[in-house]
């Protein structure tokens, strides 16, 4: 994400605004996933399946958002 953010800083103002919002969303997803993973130590046998499902859901959403943001940035910013 840091490399993408660096490329964004060198782009036009219009692209920069949209790209910064997308990168912020990616950072939020990453922070949410990291928080869930930190909570793994608090998971119990009775809530383990729900914990795994929640982490998987967040992970899948993060992957999809990253994929979409990467494609968008590739379209807007030359490599």
PDB file of N, CA and C in Angstrom:
ATOM      1  N   UNK A   1       0.819  -1.181   0.000  1.00  0.00           N
ATOM      2  CA  UNK A   1       0.000   0.000   0.000  1.00  0.00           C
ATOM      3  C   UNK A   1       0.868   1.251   0.000  1.00  0.00           C
ATOM      4  N   UNK A   2       2.010   1.169   0.657  1.00  0.00           N
ATOM      5  CA  UNK A   2       2.887   2.338   0.685  1.00  0.00           C
ATOM      6  C   UNK A   2       3.399   2.684  -0.709  1.00  0.00           C
ATOM      7  N   UNK A   3       3.704   1.648  -1.507  1.00  0.00           N
ATOM      8  CA  UNK A   3       4.158   1.898  -2.881  1.00  0.00           C
ATOM      9  C   UNK A   3       3.037   2.536  -3.708  1.00  0.00           C
ATOM     10  N   UNK A   4       1.820   2.042  -3.537  1.00  0.00           N
ATOM     11  CA  UNK A   4       0.680   2.639  -4.244  1.00  0.00           C
ATOM     12  C   UNK A   4       0.481   4.080  -3.812  1.00  0.00           C
ATOM     13  N   UNK A   5       0.576   4.325  -2.526  1.00  0.00           N
ATOM     14  CA  UNK A   5       0.398   5.682  -2.015  1.00  0.00           C
ATOM     15  C   UNK A   5       1.463   6.620  -2.585  1.00  0.00           C
ATOM     16  N   UNK A   6       2.681   6.133  -2.726  1.00  0.00           N
ATOM     17  CA  UNK A   6       3.757   6.953  -3.295  1.00  0.00           C
ATOM     18  C   UNK A   6       3.458   7.291  -4.752  1.00  0.00           C
ATOM     19  N   UNK A   7       2.951   6.324  -5.510  1.00  0.00           N
ATOM     20  CA  UNK A   7       2.588   6.590  -6.902  1.00  0.00           C
ATOM     21  C   UNK A   7       1.444   7.586  -6.982  1.00  0.00           C
ATOM     22  N   UNK A   8       0.511   7.476  -6.073  1.00  0.00           N
ATOM     23  CA  UNK A   8      -0.633   8.385  -6.045  1.00  0.00           C
ATOM     24  C   UNK A   8      -0.167   9.816  -5.824  1.00  0.00           C
ATOM     25  N   UNK A   9       0.794  10.000  -4.941  1.00  0.00           N
ATOM     26  CA  UNK A   9       1.288  11.353  -4.642  1.00  0.00           C
ATOM     27  C   UNK A   9       1.868  12.037  -5.873  1.00  0.00           C
ATOM     28  N   UNK A  10       2.318  11.266  -6.852  1.00  0.00           N
ATOM     29  CA  UNK A  10       2.911  11.825  -8.064  1.00  0.00           C
ATOM     30  C   UNK A  10       1.879  12.022  -9.172  1.00  0.00           C
ATOM     31  N   UNK A  11       0.626  11.665  -8.918  1.00  0.00           N
ATOM     32  CA  UNK A  11      -0.410  11.726  -9.951  1.00  0.00           C
ATOM     33  C   UNK A  11      -1.135  13.073  -9.941  1.00  0.00           C
ATOM     34  N   UNK A  12      -2.067  13.205 -10.880  1.00  0.00           N
ATOM     35  CA  UNK A  12      -2.831  14.447 -10.992  1.00  0.00           C
ATOM     36  C   UNK A  12      -3.750  14.632  -9.779  1.00  0.00           C
ATOM     37  N   UNK A  13      -4.193  15.843  -9.574  1.00  0.00           N
ATOM     38  CA  UNK A  13      -5.044  16.165  -8.429  1.00  0.00           C
ATOM     39  C   UNK A  13      -6.343  15.372  -8.444  1.00  0.00           C
ATOM     40  N   UNK A  14      -6.969  15.227  -9.599  1.00  0.00           N
ATOM     41  CA  UNK A  14      -8.235  14.503  -9.697  1.00  0.00           C
ATOM     42  C   UNK A  14      -8.056  13.036  -9.317  1.00  0.00           C
ATOM     43  N   UNK A  15      -7.029  12.421  -9.827  1.00  0.00           N
ATOM     44  CA  UNK A  15      -6.757  11.018  -9.522  1.00  0.00           C
ATOM     45  C   UNK A  15      -6.351  10.880  -8.062  1.00  0.00           C
ATOM     46  N   UNK A  16      -5.552  11.808  -7.584  1.00  0.00           N
ATOM     47  CA  UNK A  16      -5.045  11.748  -6.217  1.00  0.00           C
ATOM     48  C   UNK A  16      -6.179  11.709  -5.195  1.00  0.00           C
ATOM     49  N   UNK A  17      -7.181  12.523  -5.377  1.00  0.00           N
ATOM     50  CA  UNK A  17      -8.291  12.577  -4.434  1.00  0.00           C
ATOM     51  C   UNK A  17      -9.018  11.241  -4.348  1.00  0.00           C
ATOM     52  N   UNK A  18      -9.381  10.680  -5.493  1.00  0.00           N
ATOM     53  CA  UNK A  18     -10.070   9.390  -5.512  1.00  0.00           C
ATOM     54  C   UNK A  18      -9.170   8.277  -4.997  1.00  0.00           C
ATOM     55  N   UNK A  19      -7.924   8.289  -5.392  1.00  0.00           N
ATOM     56  CA  UNK A  19      -6.992   7.239  -5.000  1.00  0.00           C
ATOM     57  C   UNK A  19      -6.733   7.260  -3.495  1.00  0.00           C
ATOM     58  N   UNK A  20      -6.604   8.434  -2.928  1.00  0.00           N
ATOM     59  CA  UNK A  20      -6.372   8.527  -1.491  1.00  0.00           C
ATOM     60  C   UNK A  20      -7.546   7.941  -0.713  1.00  0.00           C
ATOM     61  N   UNK A  21      -8.767   8.166  -1.216  1.00  0.00           N
ATOM     62  CA  UNK A  21      -9.940   7.589  -0.563  1.00  0.00           C
ATOM     63  C   UNK A  21      -9.917   6.068  -0.648  1.00  0.00           C
ATOM     64  N   UNK A  22      -9.527   5.545  -1.789  1.00  0.00           N
ATOM     65  CA  UNK A  22      -9.444   4.084  -1.952  1.00  0.00           C
ATOM     66  C   UNK A  22      -8.366   3.492  -1.047  1.00  0.00           C
ATOM     67  N   UNK A  23      -7.236   4.148  -0.967  1.00  0.00           N
ATOM     68  CA  UNK A  23      -6.155   3.656  -0.107  1.00  0.00           C
ATOM     69  C   UNK A  23      -6.577   3.718   1.354  1.00  0.00           C
ATOM     70  N   UNK A  24      -7.291   4.759   1.739  1.00  0.00           N
ATOM     71  CA  UNK A  24      -7.784   4.852   3.110  1.00  0.00           C
ATOM     72  C   UNK A  24      -8.729   3.688   3.417  1.00  0.00           C
ATOM     73  N   UNK A  25      -9.568   3.334   2.463  1.00  0.00           N
ATOM     74  CA  UNK A  25     -10.457   2.188   2.642  1.00  0.00           C
ATOM     75  C   UNK A  25      -9.687   0.895   2.810  1.00  0.00           C
ATOM     76  N   UNK A  26      -8.629   0.738   2.024  1.00  0.00           N
ATOM     77  CA  UNK A  26      -7.786  -0.456   2.150  1.00  0.00           C
ATOM     78  C   UNK A  26      -7.119  -0.509   3.523  1.00  0.00           C
ATOM     79  N   UNK A  27      -6.664   0.618   3.982  1.00  0.00           N
ATOM     80  CA  UNK A  27      -6.017   0.654   5.305  1.00  0.00           C
ATOM     81  C   UNK A  27      -7.029   0.320   6.406  1.00  0.00           C
ATOM     82  N   UNK A  28      -8.280   0.767   6.249  1.00  0.00           N
ATOM     83  CA  UNK A  28      -9.315   0.451   7.236  1.00  0.00           C
ATOM     84  C   UNK A  28      -9.606  -1.047   7.249  1.00  0.00           C
ATOM     85  N   UNK A  29      -9.708  -1.645   6.068  1.00  0.00           N
ATOM     86  CA  UNK A  29      -9.924  -3.093   5.998  1.00  0.00           C
ATOM     87  C   UNK A  29      -8.773  -3.837   6.651  1.00  0.00           C
ATOM     88  N   UNK A  30      -7.562  -3.412   6.380  1.00  0.00           N
ATOM     89  CA  UNK A  30      -6.391  -4.059   6.954  1.00  0.00           C
ATOM     90  C   UNK A  30      -6.395  -3.933   8.474  1.00  0.00           C
ATOM     91  N   UNK A  31      -6.724  -2.754   8.965  1.00  0.00           N
ATOM     92  CA  UNK A  31      -6.766  -2.544  10.418  1.00  0.00           C
ATOM     93  C   UNK A  31      -7.849  -3.419  11.055  1.00  0.00           C
ATOM     94  N   UNK A  32      -9.003  -3.520  10.407  1.00  0.00           N
ATOM     95  CA  UNK A  32     -10.086  -4.348  10.933  1.00  0.00           C
ATOM     96  C   UNK A  32      -9.667  -5.816  10.980  1.00  0.00           C
ATOM     97  N   UNK A  33      -9.028  -6.284   9.934  1.00  0.00           N
ATOM     98  CA  UNK A  33      -8.573  -7.671   9.890  1.00  0.00           C
ATOM     99  C   UNK A  33      -7.499  -7.922  10.950  1.00  0.00           C
ATOM    100  N   UNK A  34      -6.575  -6.998  11.091  1.00  0.00           N
ATOM    101  CA  UNK A  34      -5.535  -7.146  12.117  1.00  0.00           C
ATOM    102  C   UNK A  34      -6.138  -7.189  13.518  1.00  0.00           C
ATOM    103  N   UNK A  35      -7.158  -6.367  13.752  1.00  0.00           N
ATOM    104  CA  UNK A  35      -7.821  -6.361  15.056  1.00  0.00           C
ATOM    105  C   UNK A  35      -8.490  -7.711  15.301  1.00  0.00           C
ATOM    106  N   UNK A  36      -9.165  -8.235  14.285  1.00  0.00           N
ATOM    107  CA  UNK A  36      -9.804  -9.538  14.446  1.00  0.00           C
ATOM    108  C   UNK A  36      -8.765 -10.618  14.734  1.00  0.00           C
ATOM    109  N   UNK A  37      -7.655 -10.575  14.037  1.00  0.00           N
ATOM    110  CA  UNK A  37      -6.614 -11.577  14.262  1.00  0.00           C
ATOM    111  C   UNK A  37      -6.017 -11.457  15.662  1.00  0.00           C
ATOM    112  N   UNK A  38      -5.898 -10.230  16.153  1.00  0.00           N
ATOM    113  CA  UNK A  38      -5.413 -10.030  17.524  1.00  0.00           C
ATOM    114  C   UNK A  38      -6.381 -10.628  18.536  1.00  0.00           C
ATOM    115  N   UNK A  39      -7.659 -10.638  18.202  1.00  0.00           N
ATOM    116  CA  UNK A  39      -8.679 -11.164  19.104  1.00  0.00           C
ATOM    117  C   UNK A  39      -8.737 -12.690  19.100  1.00  0.00           C
ATOM    118  N   UNK A  40      -7.923 -13.322  18.277  1.00  0.00           N
ATOM    119  CA  UNK A  40      -7.915 -14.779  18.216  1.00  0.00           C
ATOM    120  C   UNK A  40      -7.602 -15.397  19.572  1.00  0.00           C
ATOM    121  N   UNK A  41      -6.809 -14.726  20.359  1.00  0.00           N
ATOM    122  CA  UNK A  41      -6.454 -15.268  21.673  1.00  0.00           C
ATOM    123  C   UNK A  41      -7.662 -15.318  22.601  1.00  0.00           C
ATOM    124  N   UNK A  42      -8.694 -14.523  22.292  1.00  0.00           N
ATOM    125  CA  UNK A  42      -9.897 -14.512  23.117  1.00  0.00           C
ATOM    126  C   UNK A  42     -10.967 -15.473  22.606  1.00  0.00           C
ATOM    127  N   UNK A  43     -10.736 -16.082  21.467  1.00  0.00           N
ATOM    128  CA  UNK A  43     -11.725 -17.000  20.911  1.00  0.00           C
ATOM    129  C   UNK A  43     -11.790 -18.265  21.774  1.00  0.00           C
ATOM    130  N   UNK A  44     -12.995 -18.747  21.920  1.00  0.00           N
ATOM    131  CA  UNK A  44     -13.216 -19.959  22.699  1.00  0.00           C
ATOM    132  C   UNK A  44     -13.732 -21.060  21.784  1.00  0.00           C
ATOM    133  N   UNK A  45     -13.796 -22.241  22.312  1.00  0.00           N
ATOM    134  CA  UNK A  45     -14.309 -23.371  21.534  1.00  0.00           C
ATOM    135  C   UNK A  45     -15.734 -23.069  21.071  1.00  0.00           C
ATOM    136  N   UNK A  46     -16.516 -22.454  21.942  1.00  0.00           N
ATOM    137  CA  UNK A  46     -17.925 -22.203  21.612  1.00  0.00           C
ATOM    138  C   UNK A  46     -18.113 -21.119  20.544  1.00  0.00           C
ATOM    139  N   UNK A  47     -17.181 -20.199  20.411  1.00  0.00           N
ATOM    140  CA  UNK A  47     -17.350 -19.146  19.393  1.00  0.00           C
ATOM    141  C   UNK A  47     -16.310 -19.221  18.274  1.00  0.00           C
ATOM    142  N   UNK A  48     -15.534 -20.310  18.228  1.00  0.00           N
ATOM    143  CA  UNK A  48     -14.471 -20.438  17.238  1.00  0.00           C
ATOM    144  C   UNK A  48     -14.999 -20.407  15.810  1.00  0.00           C
ATOM    145  N   UNK A  49     -16.073 -21.127  15.536  1.00  0.00           N
ATOM    146  CA  UNK A  49     -16.603 -21.155  14.167  1.00  0.00           C
ATOM    147  C   UNK A  49     -17.074 -19.779  13.730  1.00  0.00           C
ATOM    148  N   UNK A  50     -17.726 -19.042  14.623  1.00  0.00           N
ATOM    149  CA  UNK A  50     -18.152 -17.679  14.288  1.00  0.00           C
ATOM    150  C   UNK A  50     -16.939 -16.787  14.074  1.00  0.00           C
ATOM    151  N   UNK A  51     -15.938 -16.933  14.914  1.00  0.00           N
ATOM    152  CA  UNK A  51     -14.713 -16.146  14.769  1.00  0.00           C
ATOM    153  C   UNK A  51     -14.078 -16.392  13.403  1.00  0.00           C
ATOM    154  N   UNK A  52     -13.937 -17.673  13.029  1.00  0.00           N
ATOM    155  CA  UNK A  52     -13.345 -18.003  11.729  1.00  0.00           C
ATOM    156  C   UNK A  52     -14.168 -17.423  10.583  1.00  0.00           C
ATOM    157  N   UNK A  53     -15.478 -17.522  10.679  1.00  0.00           N
ATOM    158  CA  UNK A  53     -16.348 -16.996   9.617  1.00  0.00           C
ATOM    159  C   UNK A  53     -16.201 -15.482   9.508  1.00  0.00           C
ATOM    160  N   UNK A  54     -16.135 -14.799  10.638  1.00  0.00           N
ATOM    161  CA  UNK A  54     -15.974 -13.339  10.624  1.00  0.00           C
ATOM    162  C   UNK A  54     -14.641 -12.928  10.007  1.00  0.00           C
ATOM    163  N   UNK A  55     -13.576 -13.623  10.372  1.00  0.00           N
ATOM    164  CA  UNK A  55     -12.254 -13.313   9.820  1.00  0.00           C
ATOM    165  C   UNK A  55     -12.245 -13.592   8.315  1.00  0.00           C
ATOM    166  N   UNK A  56     -12.826 -14.709   7.922  1.00  0.00           N
ATOM    167  CA  UNK A  56     -12.874 -15.058   6.493  1.00  0.00           C
ATOM    168  C   UNK A  56     -13.655 -13.994   5.713  1.00  0.00           C
ATOM    169  N   UNK A  57     -14.774 -13.549   6.261  1.00  0.00           N
ATOM    170  CA  UNK A  57     -15.598 -12.530   5.603  1.00  0.00           C
ATOM    171  C   UNK A  57     -14.809 -11.227   5.447  1.00  0.00           C
ATOM    172  N   UNK A  58     -14.149 -10.799   6.502  1.00  0.00           N
ATOM    173  CA  UNK A  58     -13.354  -9.576   6.444  1.00  0.00           C
ATOM    174  C   UNK A  58     -12.188  -9.733   5.473  1.00  0.00           C
ATOM    175  N   UNK A  59     -11.545 -10.873   5.511  1.00  0.00           N
ATOM    176  CA  UNK A  59     -10.416 -11.138   4.614  1.00  0.00           C
ATOM    177  C   UNK A  59     -10.867 -11.119   3.154  1.00  0.00           C
ATOM    178  N   UNK A  60     -11.973 -11.782   2.859  1.00  0.00           N
ATOM    179  CA  UNK A  60     -12.484 -11.808   1.487  1.00  0.00           C
ATOM    180  C   UNK A  60     -12.848 -10.408   1.002  1.00  0.00           C
ATOM    181  N   UNK A  61     -13.481  -9.622   1.874  1.00  0.00           N
ATOM    182  CA  UNK A  61     -13.841  -8.249   1.507  1.00  0.00           C
ATOM    183  C   UNK A  61     -12.586  -7.414   1.262  1.00  0.00           C
ATOM    184  N   UNK A  62     -11.566  -7.610   2.088  1.00  0.00           N
ATOM    185  CA  UNK A  62     -10.315  -6.880   1.918  1.00  0.00           C
ATOM    186  C   UNK A  62      -9.632  -7.241   0.606  1.00  0.00           C
ATOM    187  N   UNK A  63      -9.607  -8.533   0.297  1.00  0.00           N
ATOM    188  CA  UNK A  63      -8.998  -8.978  -0.958  1.00  0.00           C
ATOM    189  C   UNK A  63      -9.712  -8.365  -2.154  1.00  0.00           C
ATOM    190  N   UNK A  64     -11.037  -8.378  -2.107  1.00  0.00           N
ATOM    191  CA  UNK A  64     -11.812  -7.837  -3.225  1.00  0.00           C
ATOM    192  C   UNK A  64     -11.584  -6.336  -3.367  1.00  0.00           C
ATOM    193  N   UNK A  65     -11.607  -5.619  -2.257  1.00  0.00           N
ATOM    194  CA  UNK A  65     -11.381  -4.172  -2.330  1.00  0.00           C
ATOM    195  C   UNK A  65      -9.976  -3.871  -2.829  1.00  0.00           C
ATOM    196  N   UNK A  66      -8.986  -4.639  -2.378  1.00  0.00           N
ATOM    197  CA  UNK A  66      -7.624  -4.423  -2.843  1.00  0.00           C
ATOM    198  C   UNK A  66      -7.520  -4.682  -4.340  1.00  0.00           C
ATOM    199  N   UNK A  67      -8.140  -5.753  -4.797  1.00  0.00           N
ATOM    200  CA  UNK A  67      -8.121  -6.086  -6.219  1.00  0.00           C
ATOM    201  C   UNK A  67      -8.739  -4.965  -7.050  1.00  0.00           C
ATOM    202  N   UNK A  68      -9.891  -4.468  -6.604  1.00  0.00           N
ATOM    203  CA  UNK A  68     -10.562  -3.385  -7.323  1.00  0.00           C
ATOM    204  C   UNK A  68      -9.738  -2.109  -7.294  1.00  0.00           C
ATOM    205  N   UNK A  69      -9.166  -1.781  -6.155  1.00  0.00           N
ATOM    206  CA  UNK A  69      -8.352  -0.572  -6.042  1.00  0.00           C
ATOM    207  C   UNK A  69      -7.096  -0.676  -6.891  1.00  0.00           C
ATOM    208  N   UNK A  70      -6.485  -1.841  -6.881  1.00  0.00           N
ATOM    209  CA  UNK A  70      -5.274  -2.044  -7.692  1.00  0.00           C
ATOM    210  C   UNK A  70      -5.586  -1.878  -9.176  1.00  0.00           C
ATOM    211  N   UNK A  71      -6.696  -2.455  -9.617  1.00  0.00           N
ATOM    212  CA  UNK A  71      -7.085  -2.326 -11.022  1.00  0.00           C
ATOM    213  C   UNK A  71      -7.388  -0.877 -11.362  1.00  0.00           C
ATOM    214  N   UNK A  72      -8.120  -0.194 -10.487  1.00  0.00           N
ATOM    215  CA  UNK A  72      -8.452   1.200 -10.707  1.00  0.00           C
ATOM    216  C   UNK A  72      -7.191   2.039 -10.797  1.00  0.00           C
ATOM    217  N   UNK A  73      -6.281   1.807  -9.860  1.00  0.00           N
ATOM    218  CA  UNK A  73      -5.028   2.573  -9.868  1.00  0.00           C
ATOM    219  C   UNK A  73      -4.194   2.262 -11.106  1.00  0.00           C
ATOM    220  N   UNK A  74      -4.184   1.011 -11.521  1.00  0.00           N
ATOM    221  CA  UNK A  74      -3.441   0.638 -12.730  1.00  0.00           C
ATOM    222  C   UNK A  74      -4.012   1.351 -13.952  1.00  0.00           C
ATOM    223  N   UNK A  75      -5.324   1.496 -13.986  1.00  0.00           N
ATOM    224  CA  UNK A  75      -5.972   2.187 -15.094  1.00  0.00           C
ATOM    225  C   UNK A  75      -5.684   3.690 -15.076  1.00  0.00           C
ATOM    226  N   UNK A  76      -5.561   4.259 -13.896  1.00  0.00           N
ATOM    227  CA  UNK A  76      -5.401   5.707 -13.746  1.00  0.00           C
ATOM    228  C   UNK A  76      -3.955   6.176 -13.710  1.00  0.00           C
ATOM    229  N   UNK A  77      -3.074   5.324 -13.191  1.00  0.00           N
ATOM    230  CA  UNK A  77      -1.684   5.705 -12.987  1.00  0.00           C
ATOM    231  C   UNK A  77      -0.798   4.734 -13.757  1.00  0.00           C
ATOM    232  N   UNK A  78       0.004   5.244 -14.624  1.00  0.00           N
ATOM    233  CA  UNK A  78       0.909   4.389 -15.399  1.00  0.00           C
ATOM    234  C   UNK A  78       1.919   3.749 -14.455  1.00  0.00           C
ATOM    235  N   UNK A  79       2.230   2.466 -14.664  1.00  0.00           N
ATOM    236  CA  UNK A  79       3.209   1.792 -13.785  1.00  0.00           C
ATOM    237  C   UNK A  79       4.601   2.375 -13.903  1.00  0.00           C
TER     238      UNK A  79
END
